[in-house]
Amino acid sequence: MDKIKVFLNEAAQFFREVKVELQKVTFPTRQEAFGSTIVVLVLTVIMGAYLGLSDWVLAKLVKIILQVG
């Protein structure tokens, strides 16, 4: 029975601490969230294009090398 009381006290303390920490959180504004989303999308497209082009070039090089040998 003591273990249950200790567990419940620790759980209650944990949730009190969670509540205090959540009061410190600042969420982004709608504009900040929108701006961050645009940045992520643009960088994703750029990285996808770069990786796709790199893959294509390397595949062509490997094909050329294997045909010569």
C-alpha atoms as a PDB file:
ATOM      1  CA  MET A   1       0.000   0.000   0.000  1.00  0.00           C
ATOM      2  CA  ASP A   2       2.901   2.350   0.706  1.00  0.00           C
ATOM      3  CA  LYS A   3       4.256   1.776  -2.789  1.00  0.00           C
ATOM      4  CA  ILE A   4       0.951   2.887  -4.277  1.00  0.00           C
ATOM      5  CA  LYS A   5       0.925   6.075  -2.176  1.00  0.00           C
ATOM      6  CA  VAL A   6       4.516   6.846  -3.147  1.00  0.00           C
ATOM      7  CA  PHE A   7       3.720   6.234  -6.806  1.00  0.00           C
ATOM      8  CA  LEU A   8       0.642   8.481  -6.679  1.00  0.00           C
ATOM      9  CA  ASN A   9       2.577  11.253  -4.900  1.00  0.00           C
ATOM     10  CA  GLU A  10       5.371  11.075  -7.487  1.00  0.00           C
ATOM     11  CA  ALA A  11       2.857  11.081 -10.346  1.00  0.00           C
ATOM     12  CA  ALA A  12       1.077  14.106  -8.869  1.00  0.00           C
ATOM     13  CA  GLN A  13       4.413  15.909  -8.463  1.00  0.00           C
ATOM     14  CA  PHE A  14       5.302  15.080 -12.061  1.00  0.00           C
ATOM     15  CA  PHE A  15       2.064  16.547 -13.384  1.00  0.00           C
ATOM     16  CA  ARG A  16       2.491  19.692 -11.261  1.00  0.00           C
ATOM     17  CA  GLU A  17       5.954  20.143 -12.780  1.00  0.00           C
ATOM     18  CA  VAL A  18       4.565  19.535 -16.276  1.00  0.00           C
ATOM     19  CA  LYS A  19       1.955  22.236 -15.712  1.00  0.00           C
ATOM     20  CA  VAL A  20       4.639  24.716 -14.582  1.00  0.00           C
ATOM     21  CA  GLU A  21       6.824  23.933 -17.608  1.00  0.00           C
ATOM     22  CA  LEU A  22       3.907  24.249 -20.046  1.00  0.00           C
ATOM     23  CA  GLN A  23       3.219  27.740 -18.716  1.00  0.00           C
ATOM     24  CA  LYS A  24       6.741  28.700 -19.866  1.00  0.00           C
ATOM     25  CA  VAL A  25       6.154  27.517 -23.445  1.00  0.00           C
ATOM     26  CA  THR A  26       5.688  30.145 -26.118  1.00  0.00           C
ATOM     27  CA  PHE A  27       4.037  28.936 -29.281  1.00  0.00           C
ATOM     28  CA  PRO A  28       4.800  30.536 -32.642  1.00  0.00           C
ATOM     29  CA  THR A  29       2.360  32.981 -34.148  1.00  0.00           C
ATOM     30  CA  ARG A  30       0.449  32.058 -37.279  1.00  0.00           C
ATOM     31  CA  GLN A  31       2.866  34.126 -39.401  1.00  0.00           C
ATOM     32  CA  GLU A  32       5.938  32.507 -37.833  1.00  0.00           C
ATOM     33  CA  ALA A  33       4.522  29.026 -38.389  1.00  0.00           C
ATOM     34  CA  PHE A  34       3.647  29.885 -41.997  1.00  0.00           C
ATOM     35  CA  GLY A  35       7.114  31.327 -42.628  1.00  0.00           C
ATOM     36  CA  SER A  36       8.823  28.280 -41.153  1.00  0.00           C
ATOM     37  CA  THR A  37       6.651  25.980 -43.257  1.00  0.00           C
ATOM     38  CA  ILE A  38       7.596  27.853 -46.442  1.00  0.00           C
ATOM     39  CA  VAL A  39      11.302  27.624 -45.565  1.00  0.00           C
ATOM     40  CA  VAL A  40      11.020  23.868 -44.974  1.00  0.00           C
ATOM     41  CA  LEU A  41       9.150  23.315 -48.236  1.00  0.00           C
ATOM     42  CA  VAL A  42      11.624  25.363 -50.292  1.00  0.00           C
ATOM     43  CA  LEU A  43      14.634  23.622 -48.757  1.00  0.00           C
ATOM     44  CA  THR A  44      12.998  20.237 -49.309  1.00  0.00           C
ATOM     45  CA  VAL A  45      12.504  20.999 -53.004  1.00  0.00           C
ATOM     46  CA  ILE A  46      16.073  22.274 -53.350  1.00  0.00           C
ATOM     47  CA  MET A  47      17.553  19.244 -51.593  1.00  0.00           C
ATOM     48  CA  GLY A  48      15.357  16.878 -53.611  1.00  0.00           C
ATOM     49  CA  ALA A  49      16.499  18.461 -56.857  1.00  0.00           C
ATOM     50  CA  TYR A  50      20.140  18.347 -55.769  1.00  0.00           C
ATOM     51  CA  LEU A  51      19.968  14.706 -54.691  1.00  0.00           C
ATOM     52  CA  GLY A  52      18.037  13.736 -57.823  1.00  0.00           C
ATOM     53  CA  LEU A  53      20.564  15.438 -60.079  1.00  0.00           C
ATOM     54  CA  SER A  54      23.486  13.918 -58.161  1.00  0.00           C
ATOM     55  CA  ASP A  55      21.933  10.469 -58.427  1.00  0.00           C
ATOM     56  CA  TRP A  56      21.367  10.890 -62.158  1.00  0.00           C
ATOM     57  CA  VAL A  57      24.951  12.064 -62.779  1.00  0.00           C
ATOM     58  CA  LEU A  58      26.479   9.285 -60.693  1.00  0.00           C
ATOM     59  CA  ALA A  59      24.282   6.669 -62.382  1.00  0.00           C
ATOM     60  CA  LYS A  60      25.471   7.899 -65.799  1.00  0.00           C
ATOM     61  CA  LEU A  61      29.113   7.784 -64.644  1.00  0.00           C
ATOM     62  CA  VAL A  62      28.760   4.247 -63.337  1.00  0.00           C
ATOM     63  CA  LYS A  63      27.085   3.193 -66.589  1.00  0.00           C
ATOM     64  CA  ILE A  64      29.935   4.704 -68.630  1.00  0.00           C
ATOM     65  CA  ILE A  65      32.594   3.094 -66.431  1.00  0.00           C
ATOM     66  CA  LEU A  66      30.973  -0.351 -66.628  1.00  0.00           C
ATOM     67  CA  GLN A  67      30.590  -0.161 -70.407  1.00  0.00           C
ATOM     68  CA  VAL A  68      34.280   0.683 -70.891  1.00  0.00           C
ATOM     69  CA  GLY A  69      35.538  -2.203 -68.749  1.00  0.00           C
END
